[in-house]
C-alpha atoms as a PDB file:
ATOM      1  CA  UNK A   1     -31.401   5.756   8.022  1.00  0.00           C
ATOM      2  CA  UNK A   2     -35.223   5.589   7.906  1.00  0.00           C
ATOM      3  CA  UNK A   3     -36.844   6.399   4.582  1.00  0.00           C
ATOM      4  CA  UNK A   4     -40.312   7.692   3.775  1.00  0.00           C
ATOM      5  CA  UNK A   5     -42.190   5.979   0.931  1.00  0.00           C
ATOM      6  CA  UNK A   6     -42.965   9.232  -0.464  1.00  0.00           C
ATOM      7  CA  UNK A   7     -40.279  10.935  -2.463  1.00  0.00           C
ATOM      8  CA  UNK A   8     -39.256  12.901  -5.531  1.00  0.00           C
ATOM      9  CA  UNK A   9     -36.090  13.131  -7.629  1.00  0.00           C
ATOM     10  CA  UNK A  10     -35.320  15.050 -10.978  1.00  0.00           C
ATOM     11  CA  UNK A  11     -32.215  15.074 -13.006  1.00  0.00           C
ATOM     12  CA  UNK A  12     -31.522  16.773 -16.404  1.00  0.00           C
ATOM     13  CA  UNK A  13     -28.438  15.944 -18.257  1.00  0.00           C
ATOM     14  CA  UNK A  14     -27.451  17.720 -21.436  1.00  0.00           C
ATOM     15  CA  UNK A  15     -24.604  16.876 -23.846  1.00  0.00           C
ATOM     16  CA  UNK A  16     -23.802  18.314 -27.405  1.00  0.00           C
ATOM     17  CA  UNK A  17     -25.699  15.259 -28.683  1.00  0.00           C
ATOM     18  CA  UNK A  18     -28.495  14.329 -26.246  1.00  0.00           C
ATOM     19  CA  UNK A  19     -30.687  15.680 -23.453  1.00  0.00           C
ATOM     20  CA  UNK A  20     -31.985  13.225 -20.900  1.00  0.00           C
ATOM     21  CA  UNK A  21     -34.534  14.250 -18.335  1.00  0.00           C
ATOM     22  CA  UNK A  22     -35.437  11.768 -15.508  1.00  0.00           C
ATOM     23  CA  UNK A  23     -38.209  12.232 -12.817  1.00  0.00           C
ATOM     24  CA  UNK A  24     -38.798   9.746 -10.143  1.00  0.00           C
ATOM     25  CA  UNK A  25     -41.983   9.976  -8.078  1.00  0.00           C
ATOM     26  CA  UNK A  26     -43.406   7.494  -5.305  1.00  0.00           C
ATOM     27  CA  UNK A  27     -46.288   6.972  -2.867  1.00  0.00           C
ATOM     28  CA  UNK A  28     -47.075   4.281  -0.483  1.00  0.00           C
ATOM     29  CA  UNK A  29     -47.337   0.765  -1.562  1.00  0.00           C
ATOM     30  CA  UNK A  30     -47.196  -2.746   0.322  1.00  0.00           C
ATOM     31  CA  UNK A  31     -44.536  -4.075  -2.192  1.00  0.00           C
ATOM     32  CA  UNK A  32     -41.937  -2.663  -4.598  1.00  0.00           C
ATOM     33  CA  UNK A  33     -43.878  -1.521  -7.807  1.00  0.00           C
ATOM     34  CA  UNK A  34     -41.606   0.239 -10.251  1.00  0.00           C
ATOM     35  CA  UNK A  35     -43.301   1.758 -13.480  1.00  0.00           C
ATOM     36  CA  UNK A  36     -40.762   2.929 -16.050  1.00  0.00           C
ATOM     37  CA  UNK A  37     -42.021   5.230 -18.885  1.00  0.00           C
ATOM     38  CA  UNK A  38     -39.641   5.351 -21.591  1.00  0.00           C
ATOM     39  CA  UNK A  39     -39.506   6.868 -25.089  1.00  0.00           C
ATOM     40  CA  UNK A  40     -39.197   4.529 -27.996  1.00  0.00           C
ATOM     41  CA  UNK A  41     -35.503   5.109 -28.404  1.00  0.00           C
ATOM     42  CA  UNK A  42     -34.602   4.022 -25.097  1.00  0.00           C
ATOM     43  CA  UNK A  43     -36.805   0.820 -24.924  1.00  0.00           C
ATOM     44  CA  UNK A  44     -33.686  -1.340 -25.007  1.00  0.00           C
ATOM     45  CA  UNK A  45     -32.630   0.093 -21.661  1.00  0.00           C
ATOM     46  CA  UNK A  46     -35.574  -0.943 -19.735  1.00  0.00           C
ATOM     47  CA  UNK A  47     -34.168  -3.926 -17.919  1.00  0.00           C
ATOM     48  CA  UNK A  48     -30.864  -1.925 -17.376  1.00  0.00           C
ATOM     49  CA  UNK A  49     -32.627   1.002 -15.839  1.00  0.00           C
ATOM     50  CA  UNK A  50     -35.016  -1.191 -13.450  1.00  0.00           C
ATOM     51  CA  UNK A  51     -31.727  -2.992 -12.329  1.00  0.00           C
ATOM     52  CA  UNK A  52     -30.287   0.388 -11.235  1.00  0.00           C
ATOM     53  CA  UNK A  53     -33.246   1.487  -9.519  1.00  0.00           C
ATOM     54  CA  UNK A  54     -33.640  -1.859  -7.559  1.00  0.00           C
ATOM     55  CA  UNK A  55     -30.391  -0.631  -5.846  1.00  0.00           C
ATOM     56  CA  UNK A  56     -32.120   2.430  -4.516  1.00  0.00           C
ATOM     57  CA  UNK A  57     -35.698   1.309  -3.864  1.00  0.00           C
ATOM     58  CA  UNK A  58     -37.009  -1.550  -1.916  1.00  0.00           C
ATOM     59  CA  UNK A  59     -40.676  -0.548  -1.295  1.00  0.00           C
ATOM     60  CA  UNK A  60     -43.198   1.782  -2.634  1.00  0.00           C
ATOM     61  CA  UNK A  61     -45.171   2.521  -5.825  1.00  0.00           C
ATOM     62  CA  UNK A  62     -42.677   4.408  -8.047  1.00  0.00           C
ATOM     63  CA  UNK A  63     -43.189   6.094 -11.318  1.00  0.00           C
ATOM     64  CA  UNK A  64     -40.242   6.951 -13.525  1.00  0.00           C
ATOM     65  CA  UNK A  65     -40.467   9.277 -16.307  1.00  0.00           C
ATOM     66  CA  UNK A  66     -37.637   9.602 -18.976  1.00  0.00           C
ATOM     67  CA  UNK A  67     -37.747  12.172 -21.665  1.00  0.00           C
ATOM     68  CA  UNK A  68     -35.142  11.957 -24.492  1.00  0.00           C
ATOM     69  CA  UNK A  69     -34.027  14.510 -27.239  1.00  0.00           C
ATOM     70  CA  UNK A  70     -31.335  13.810 -29.855  1.00  0.00           C
ATOM     71  CA  UNK A  71     -29.536  16.868 -30.998  1.00  0.00           C
ATOM     72  CA  UNK A  72     -27.291  15.095 -33.706  1.00  0.00           C
ATOM     73  CA  UNK A  73     -27.641  16.107 -37.233  1.00  0.00           C
ATOM     74  CA  UNK A  74     -27.295  12.566 -38.639  1.00  0.00           C
ATOM     75  CA  UNK A  75     -30.644  11.442 -37.189  1.00  0.00           C
ATOM     76  CA  UNK A  76     -31.969  10.678 -40.597  1.00  0.00           C
ATOM     77  CA  UNK A  77     -29.936   9.657 -43.662  1.00  0.00           C
ATOM     78  CA  UNK A  78     -31.236   9.318 -47.276  1.00  0.00           C
ATOM     79  CA  UNK A  79     -29.418   6.693 -49.379  1.00  0.00           C
ATOM     80  CA  UNK A  80     -29.731   5.212 -53.060  1.00  0.00           C
ATOM     81  CA  UNK A  81     -28.801   1.770 -53.994  1.00  0.00           C
ATOM     82  CA  UNK A  82     -26.537   1.879 -56.914  1.00  0.00           C
ATOM     83  CA  UNK A  83     -26.942  -1.584 -58.054  1.00  0.00           C
ATOM     84  CA  UNK A  84     -30.708  -1.585 -58.069  1.00  0.00           C
ATOM     85  CA  UNK A  85     -30.727   1.763 -59.871  1.00  0.00           C
ATOM     86  CA  UNK A  86     -28.360   0.202 -62.547  1.00  0.00           C
ATOM     87  CA  UNK A  87     -30.551  -2.741 -63.078  1.00  0.00           C
ATOM     88  CA  UNK A  88     -33.538  -0.499 -63.490  1.00  0.00           C
ATOM     89  CA  UNK A  89     -31.825   1.610 -66.022  1.00  0.00           C
ATOM     90  CA  UNK A  90     -30.471  -1.479 -67.828  1.00  0.00           C
ATOM     91  CA  UNK A  91     -34.024  -2.880 -67.970  1.00  0.00           C
ATOM     92  CA  UNK A  92     -35.604   0.338 -69.156  1.00  0.00           C
ATOM     93  CA  UNK A  93     -33.175   0.631 -72.017  1.00  0.00           C
ATOM     94  CA  UNK A  94     -33.838  -2.935 -73.044  1.00  0.00           C
ATOM     95  CA  UNK A  95     -37.566  -2.255 -73.100  1.00  0.00           C
ATOM     96  CA  UNK A  96     -36.994   0.984 -74.946  1.00  0.00           C
ATOM     97  CA  UNK A  97     -34.810  -0.986 -77.618  1.00  0.00           C
ATOM     98  CA  UNK A  98     -37.222  -4.061 -77.890  1.00  0.00           C
ATOM     99  CA  UNK A  99     -40.481  -2.052 -78.571  1.00  0.00           C
ATOM    100  CA  UNK A 100     -38.986   0.988 -80.234  1.00  0.00           C
ATOM    101  CA  UNK A 101     -40.183   3.523 -77.988  1.00  0.00           C
ATOM    102  CA  UNK A 102     -38.469   6.526 -76.226  1.00  0.00           C
ATOM    103  CA  UNK A 103     -36.315   5.716 -73.393  1.00  0.00           C
ATOM    104  CA  UNK A 104     -35.703   8.917 -71.672  1.00  0.00           C
ATOM    105  CA  UNK A 105     -34.702   8.232 -68.137  1.00  0.00           C
ATOM    106  CA  UNK A 106     -33.907  10.953 -65.552  1.00  0.00           C
ATOM    107  CA  UNK A 107     -33.027  10.869 -61.638  1.00  0.00           C
ATOM    108  CA  UNK A 108     -36.496  12.059 -60.856  1.00  0.00           C
ATOM    109  CA  UNK A 109     -38.255   9.155 -62.655  1.00  0.00           C
ATOM    110  CA  UNK A 110     -35.703   6.648 -61.287  1.00  0.00           C
ATOM    111  CA  UNK A 111     -35.974   7.731 -57.820  1.00  0.00           C
ATOM    112  CA  UNK A 112     -39.779   6.550 -57.737  1.00  0.00           C
ATOM    113  CA  UNK A 113     -38.913   3.110 -58.127  1.00  0.00           C
ATOM    114  CA  UNK A 114     -38.907   0.758 -55.140  1.00  0.00           C
ATOM    115  CA  UNK A 115     -35.638   0.524 -53.245  1.00  0.00           C
ATOM    116  CA  UNK A 116     -33.751   2.865 -55.275  1.00  0.00           C
ATOM    117  CA  UNK A 117     -33.879   5.549 -52.634  1.00  0.00           C
ATOM    118  CA  UNK A 118     -34.278   4.604 -48.962  1.00  0.00           C
ATOM    119  CA  UNK A 119     -34.595   6.750 -45.875  1.00  0.00           C
ATOM    120  CA  UNK A 120     -32.947   5.485 -42.816  1.00  0.00           C
ATOM    121  CA  UNK A 121     -32.805   6.591 -39.223  1.00  0.00           C
ATOM    122  CA  UNK A 122     -29.396   6.612 -37.834  1.00  0.00           C
ATOM    123  CA  UNK A 123     -28.745   4.455 -34.633  1.00  0.00           C
ATOM    124  CA  UNK A 124     -27.215   6.283 -31.926  1.00  0.00           C
ATOM    125  CA  UNK A 125     -23.888   5.066 -30.285  1.00  0.00           C
ATOM    126  CA  UNK A 126     -25.629   2.782 -27.905  1.00  0.00           C
ATOM    127  CA  UNK A 127     -22.698   2.651 -25.379  1.00  0.00           C
ATOM    128  CA  UNK A 128     -22.469   6.460 -25.318  1.00  0.00           C
ATOM    129  CA  UNK A 129     -26.388   6.715 -24.935  1.00  0.00           C
ATOM    130  CA  UNK A 130     -26.281   4.102 -22.334  1.00  0.00           C
ATOM    131  CA  UNK A 131     -23.835   5.989 -20.096  1.00  0.00           C
ATOM    132  CA  UNK A 132     -25.668   9.111 -20.198  1.00  0.00           C
ATOM    133  CA  UNK A 133     -28.877   7.397 -19.281  1.00  0.00           C
ATOM    134  CA  UNK A 134     -27.093   5.606 -16.415  1.00  0.00           C
ATOM    135  CA  UNK A 135     -25.631   8.761 -15.074  1.00  0.00           C
ATOM    136  CA  UNK A 136     -28.969  10.642 -15.247  1.00  0.00           C
ATOM    137  CA  UNK A 137     -30.804   7.711 -13.646  1.00  0.00           C
ATOM    138  CA  UNK A 138     -28.228   7.515 -10.730  1.00  0.00           C
ATOM    139  CA  UNK A 139     -28.259  11.228  -9.968  1.00  0.00           C
ATOM    140  CA  UNK A 140     -32.119  11.288 -10.025  1.00  0.00           C
ATOM    141  CA  UNK A 141     -32.151   8.287  -7.864  1.00  0.00           C
ATOM    142  CA  UNK A 142     -29.836   9.842  -5.281  1.00  0.00           C
ATOM    143  CA  UNK A 143     -31.934  12.913  -5.081  1.00  0.00           C
ATOM    144  CA  UNK A 144     -35.105  10.803  -4.674  1.00  0.00           C
ATOM    145  CA  UNK A 145     -33.437   8.804  -1.786  1.00  0.00           C
ATOM    146  CA  UNK A 146     -32.393  12.193  -0.130  1.00  0.00           C
ATOM    147  CA  UNK A 147     -35.953  13.401  -0.255  1.00  0.00           C
ATOM    148  CA  UNK A 148     -37.013  10.021   1.241  1.00  0.00           C
ATOM    149  CA  UNK A 149     -34.507  10.317   3.966  1.00  0.00           C
ATOM    150  CA  UNK A 150     -35.488  13.813   4.853  1.00  0.00           C
ATOM    151  CA  UNK A 151     -39.154  12.699   5.305  1.00  0.00           C
ATOM    152  CA  UNK A 152     -38.001   9.783   7.042  1.00  0.00           C
ATOM    153  CA  UNK A 153     -36.277  11.725   9.728  1.00  0.00           C
ATOM    154  CA  UNK A 154     -39.544  13.671  10.356  1.00  0.00           C
ATOM    155  CA  UNK A 155     -41.514  10.527  10.591  1.00  0.00           C
ATOM    156  CA  UNK A 156     -39.004   8.933  13.077  1.00  0.00           C
ATOM    157  CA  UNK A 157     -39.254  12.113  15.256  1.00  0.00           C
ATOM    158  CA  UNK A 158     -43.117  11.912  15.166  1.00  0.00           C
ATOM    159  CA  UNK A 159     -43.116   8.317  16.000  1.00  0.00           C
ATOM    160  CA  UNK A 160     -40.713   8.675  18.909  1.00  0.00           C
ATOM    161  CA  UNK A 161     -42.842  11.449  20.367  1.00  0.00           C
ATOM    162  CA  UNK A 162     -45.895   9.372  20.174  1.00  0.00           C
ATOM    163  CA  UNK A 163     -44.138   6.520  21.806  1.00  0.00           C
ATOM    164  CA  UNK A 164     -43.120   8.764  24.666  1.00  0.00           C
ATOM    165  CA  UNK A 165     -46.709   9.690  25.084  1.00  0.00           C
ATOM    166  CA  UNK A 166     -47.807   6.063  25.173  1.00  0.00           C
ATOM    167  CA  UNK A 167     -45.211   5.438  27.820  1.00  0.00           C
ATOM    168  CA  UNK A 168     -46.807   8.180  29.855  1.00  0.00           C
ATOM    169  CA  UNK A 169     -50.153   6.487  29.462  1.00  0.00           C
ATOM    170  CA  UNK A 170     -48.781   3.078  30.518  1.00  0.00           C
ATOM    171  CA  UNK A 171     -47.289   4.682  33.573  1.00  0.00           C
ATOM    172  CA  UNK A 172     -50.569   6.378  34.558  1.00  0.00           C
ATOM    173  CA  UNK A 173     -52.364   3.013  34.293  1.00  0.00           C
ATOM    174  CA  UNK A 174     -49.920   1.062  36.233  1.00  0.00           C
ATOM    175  CA  UNK A 175     -50.059   3.874  38.913  1.00  0.00           C
ATOM    176  CA  UNK A 176     -53.834   3.975  38.859  1.00  0.00           C
ATOM    177  CA  UNK A 177     -54.472   0.235  39.132  1.00  0.00           C
ATOM    178  CA  UNK A 178     -53.615  -0.260  42.841  1.00  0.00           C
ATOM    179  CA  UNK A 179     -55.818   2.789  43.800  1.00  0.00           C
ATOM    180  CA  UNK A 180     -58.626   1.222  41.775  1.00  0.00           C
ATOM    181  CA  UNK A 181     -58.518  -2.038  43.820  1.00  0.00           C
ATOM    182  CA  UNK A 182     -58.400   0.108  47.097  1.00  0.00           C
ATOM    183  CA  UNK A 183     -61.344   2.075  46.117  1.00  0.00           C
ATOM    184  CA  UNK A 184     -63.275  -1.067  45.202  1.00  0.00           C
ATOM    185  CA  UNK A 185     -62.335  -2.678  48.607  1.00  0.00           C
ATOM    186  CA  UNK A 186     -63.667   0.530  50.467  1.00  0.00           C
ATOM    187  CA  UNK A 187     -66.933   0.566  48.428  1.00  0.00           C
ATOM    188  CA  UNK A 188     -67.315  -3.287  49.072  1.00  0.00           C
ATOM    189  CA  UNK A 189     -66.889  -2.997  52.731  1.00  0.00           C
ATOM    190  CA  UNK A 190     -69.086   0.017  52.973  1.00  0.00           C
ATOM    191  CA  UNK A 191     -71.908  -1.654  50.968  1.00  0.00           C
ATOM    192  CA  UNK A 192     -71.745  -4.890  52.959  1.00  0.00           C
ATOM    193  CA  UNK A 193     -71.637  -3.046  56.256  1.00  0.00           C
ATOM    194  CA  UNK A 194     -74.551  -0.991  55.146  1.00  0.00           C
ATOM    195  CA  UNK A 195     -76.566  -4.135  54.274  1.00  0.00           C
ATOM    196  CA  UNK A 196     -75.558  -6.243  57.320  1.00  0.00           C
ATOM    197  CA  UNK A 197     -75.464  -3.607  59.987  1.00  0.00           C
ATOM    198  CA  UNK A 198     -74.113  -4.847  63.141  1.00  0.00           C
ATOM    199  CA  UNK A 199     -73.522  -8.300  61.838  1.00  0.00           C
ATOM    200  CA  UNK A 200     -69.900  -9.306  61.689  1.00  0.00           C
ATOM    201  CA  UNK A 201     -68.596  -9.420  58.083  1.00  0.00           C
ATOM    202  CA  UNK A 202     -66.802 -12.588  56.961  1.00  0.00           C
ATOM    203  CA  UNK A 203     -63.487 -11.229  56.004  1.00  0.00           C
ATOM    204  CA  UNK A 204     -62.653 -14.334  53.883  1.00  0.00           C
ATOM    205  CA  UNK A 205     -65.645 -13.935  51.605  1.00  0.00           C
ATOM    206  CA  UNK A 206     -64.782 -10.211  51.084  1.00  0.00           C
ATOM    207  CA  UNK A 207     -61.095 -11.085  50.267  1.00  0.00           C
ATOM    208  CA  UNK A 208     -62.303 -13.689  47.757  1.00  0.00           C
ATOM    209  CA  UNK A 209     -64.416 -11.301  46.178  1.00  0.00           C
ATOM    210  CA  UNK A 210     -61.649  -8.693  46.064  1.00  0.00           C
ATOM    211  CA  UNK A 211     -59.389 -11.239  44.414  1.00  0.00           C
ATOM    212  CA  UNK A 212     -61.940 -12.244  41.770  1.00  0.00           C
ATOM    213  CA  UNK A 213     -62.366  -8.523  40.878  1.00  0.00           C
ATOM    214  CA  UNK A 214     -58.564  -7.819  40.878  1.00  0.00           C
ATOM    215  CA  UNK A 215     -57.960 -10.758  38.533  1.00  0.00           C
ATOM    216  CA  UNK A 216     -60.652  -9.644  36.276  1.00  0.00           C
ATOM    217  CA  UNK A 217     -59.481  -6.057  35.912  1.00  0.00           C
ATOM    218  CA  UNK A 218     -55.683  -6.900  36.097  1.00  0.00           C
ATOM    219  CA  UNK A 219     -53.700  -5.406  33.239  1.00  0.00           C
ATOM    220  CA  UNK A 220     -50.172  -6.099  34.573  1.00  0.00           C
ATOM    221  CA  UNK A 221     -49.394  -8.470  31.571  1.00  0.00           C
ATOM    222  CA  UNK A 222     -50.645  -5.931  28.984  1.00  0.00           C
ATOM    223  CA  UNK A 223     -48.558  -3.186  30.463  1.00  0.00           C
ATOM    224  CA  UNK A 224     -45.325  -5.401  30.476  1.00  0.00           C
ATOM    225  CA  UNK A 225     -46.056  -6.330  26.897  1.00  0.00           C
ATOM    226  CA  UNK A 226     -46.853  -2.672  25.957  1.00  0.00           C
ATOM    227  CA  UNK A 227     -43.458  -1.650  27.388  1.00  0.00           C
ATOM    228  CA  UNK A 228     -41.694  -4.375  25.585  1.00  0.00           C
ATOM    229  CA  UNK A 229     -43.257  -3.431  22.331  1.00  0.00           C
ATOM    230  CA  UNK A 230     -42.365   0.291  22.867  1.00  0.00           C
ATOM    231  CA  UNK A 231     -38.690  -0.668  23.294  1.00  0.00           C
ATOM    232  CA  UNK A 232     -38.926  -2.942  20.289  1.00  0.00           C
ATOM    233  CA  UNK A 233     -40.186  -0.168  18.117  1.00  0.00           C
ATOM    234  CA  UNK A 234     -37.528   2.116  19.325  1.00  0.00           C
ATOM    235  CA  UNK A 235     -34.765  -0.349  18.556  1.00  0.00           C
ATOM    236  CA  UNK A 236     -36.199  -1.074  15.091  1.00  0.00           C
ATOM    237  CA  UNK A 237     -36.241   2.693  14.438  1.00  0.00           C
ATOM    238  CA  UNK A 238     -32.698   2.894  14.996  1.00  0.00           C
ATOM    239  CA  UNK A 239     -31.822  -0.045  12.561  1.00  0.00           C
ATOM    240  CA  UNK A 240     -30.901   0.123   8.916  1.00  0.00           C
ATOM    241  CA  UNK A 241     -32.785  -1.165   5.888  1.00  0.00           C
ATOM    242  CA  UNK A 242     -36.360  -1.484   4.968  1.00  0.00           C
ATOM    243  CA  UNK A 243     -38.152  -1.443   8.487  1.00  0.00           C
ATOM    244  CA  UNK A 244     -41.702  -0.278   7.503  1.00  0.00           C
ATOM    245  CA  UNK A 245     -43.449  -3.842   7.695  1.00  0.00           C
ATOM    246  CA  UNK A 246     -41.702  -4.584  11.194  1.00  0.00           C
ATOM    247  CA  UNK A 247     -42.909  -1.378  12.441  1.00  0.00           C
ATOM    248  CA  UNK A 248     -46.357  -2.097  11.199  1.00  0.00           C
ATOM    249  CA  UNK A 249     -46.439  -5.449  12.886  1.00  0.00           C
ATOM    250  CA  UNK A 250     -45.193  -3.954  16.220  1.00  0.00           C
ATOM    251  CA  UNK A 251     -47.954  -1.276  15.925  1.00  0.00           C
ATOM    252  CA  UNK A 252     -50.623  -4.039  15.503  1.00  0.00           C
ATOM    253  CA  UNK A 253     -49.311  -5.751  18.677  1.00  0.00           C
ATOM    254  CA  UNK A 254     -49.490  -2.482  20.643  1.00  0.00           C
ATOM    255  CA  UNK A 255     -53.042  -1.893  19.325  1.00  0.00           C
ATOM    256  CA  UNK A 256     -53.950  -5.387  20.600  1.00  0.00           C
ATOM    257  CA  UNK A 257     -52.721  -4.898  24.099  1.00  0.00           C
ATOM    258  CA  UNK A 258     -54.509  -1.396  24.185  1.00  0.00           C
ATOM    259  CA  UNK A 259     -57.627  -3.125  23.145  1.00  0.00           C
ATOM    260  CA  UNK A 260     -57.389  -5.709  25.983  1.00  0.00           C
ATOM    261  CA  UNK A 261     -56.675  -3.077  28.574  1.00  0.00           C
ATOM    262  CA  UNK A 262     -59.660  -1.095  27.587  1.00  0.00           C
ATOM    263  CA  UNK A 263     -61.840  -4.077  27.694  1.00  0.00           C
ATOM    264  CA  UNK A 264     -60.733  -4.990  31.182  1.00  0.00           C
ATOM    265  CA  UNK A 265     -61.256  -1.507  32.583  1.00  0.00           C
ATOM    266  CA  UNK A 266     -64.052  -0.522  34.886  1.00  0.00           C
ATOM    267  CA  UNK A 267     -62.465   2.677  35.986  1.00  0.00           C
ATOM    268  CA  UNK A 268     -63.377   5.776  34.126  1.00  0.00           C
ATOM    269  CA  UNK A 269     -59.684   7.265  34.569  1.00  0.00           C
ATOM    270  CA  UNK A 270     -58.049   4.153  33.099  1.00  0.00           C
ATOM    271  CA  UNK A 271     -60.669   3.782  30.374  1.00  0.00           C
ATOM    272  CA  UNK A 272     -60.097   7.347  29.264  1.00  0.00           C
ATOM    273  CA  UNK A 273     -56.256   6.632  29.325  1.00  0.00           C
ATOM    274  CA  UNK A 274     -56.632   3.526  27.276  1.00  0.00           C
ATOM    275  CA  UNK A 275     -58.758   5.433  24.629  1.00  0.00           C
ATOM    276  CA  UNK A 276     -55.912   7.955  24.500  1.00  0.00           C
ATOM    277  CA  UNK A 277     -53.519   4.962  24.260  1.00  0.00           C
ATOM    278  CA  UNK A 278     -55.314   3.612  21.426  1.00  0.00           C
ATOM    279  CA  UNK A 279     -55.559   6.955  19.619  1.00  0.00           C
ATOM    280  CA  UNK A 280     -51.848   7.380  19.734  1.00  0.00           C
ATOM    281  CA  UNK A 281     -51.086   3.942  18.534  1.00  0.00           C
ATOM    282  CA  UNK A 282     -53.446   4.441  15.612  1.00  0.00           C
ATOM    283  CA  UNK A 283     -51.461   7.544  14.639  1.00  0.00           C
ATOM    284  CA  UNK A 284     -48.344   5.548  14.814  1.00  0.00           C
ATOM    285  CA  UNK A 285     -49.864   2.985  12.523  1.00  0.00           C
ATOM    286  CA  UNK A 286     -50.809   5.706   9.981  1.00  0.00           C
ATOM    287  CA  UNK A 287     -47.277   6.962  10.059  1.00  0.00           C
ATOM    288  CA  UNK A 288     -45.391   3.792   9.947  1.00  0.00           C
ATOM    289  CA  UNK A 289     -47.369   2.917   6.590  1.00  0.00           C
ATOM    290  CA  UNK A 290     -45.313   5.784   5.073  1.00  0.00           C
ATOM    291  CA  UNK A 291     -42.114   4.210   5.988  1.00  0.00           C
ATOM    292  CA  UNK A 292     -40.043   2.059   3.645  1.00  0.00           C
END
């Protein structure tokens, strides 16, 4: 299914211990550029998260925002080192004995000495947290892809409608071309007859001139290639996977043939239709820039 490169997905998962909020946004980009913004506690999952997202995204500039809240009461713990505290007490008592000074020691004083009391931040269960993160990322990514697919359906419909119009332009030019030759032939004979009067006109000379003119304005090849490119684009639109670049290439080829048609035209009706052709192709090029 066709996917737009513009999309949005959001998922919030809450457990008794954690809350994970994931938001995924994307815009057009030539390549796949995934930017993940993580809180410090989840930095260890950066590569893991990118690996998951690569399974859902192949093109576009994607911003992923992840917020994390820890509801556990054991987030911070205060501990004291019994061995170090005993060494301090032993040393302080020795000092008191050696110098005959008061050796009153209490817990408040002892706690001020280095390494006696330490404050530690408890480490969350990595496997539990990883699974919660994985689930939130997957659910947000699925919603993100769904939004891209919805937009992709609209893009496909619009491109197909424009291809139908381009076909109409091609059919008009093909139908108009023989009439242009006939009109030129009549003008040529009329002008020569007017200039020469009763003098016989050399039919071979006029035929040669008509052939040269017909060759100069002939767009048969361009029309054949345009129809071929239209069919190719329709085929690609029905295919799976990342097709944006293929569509962009075909649109460039369509535009090339339209430019050649316009440059060869000496007929106002064909020129106007060729301009309409270029306008429709340019709109298609703008649209396929949005397709993954």
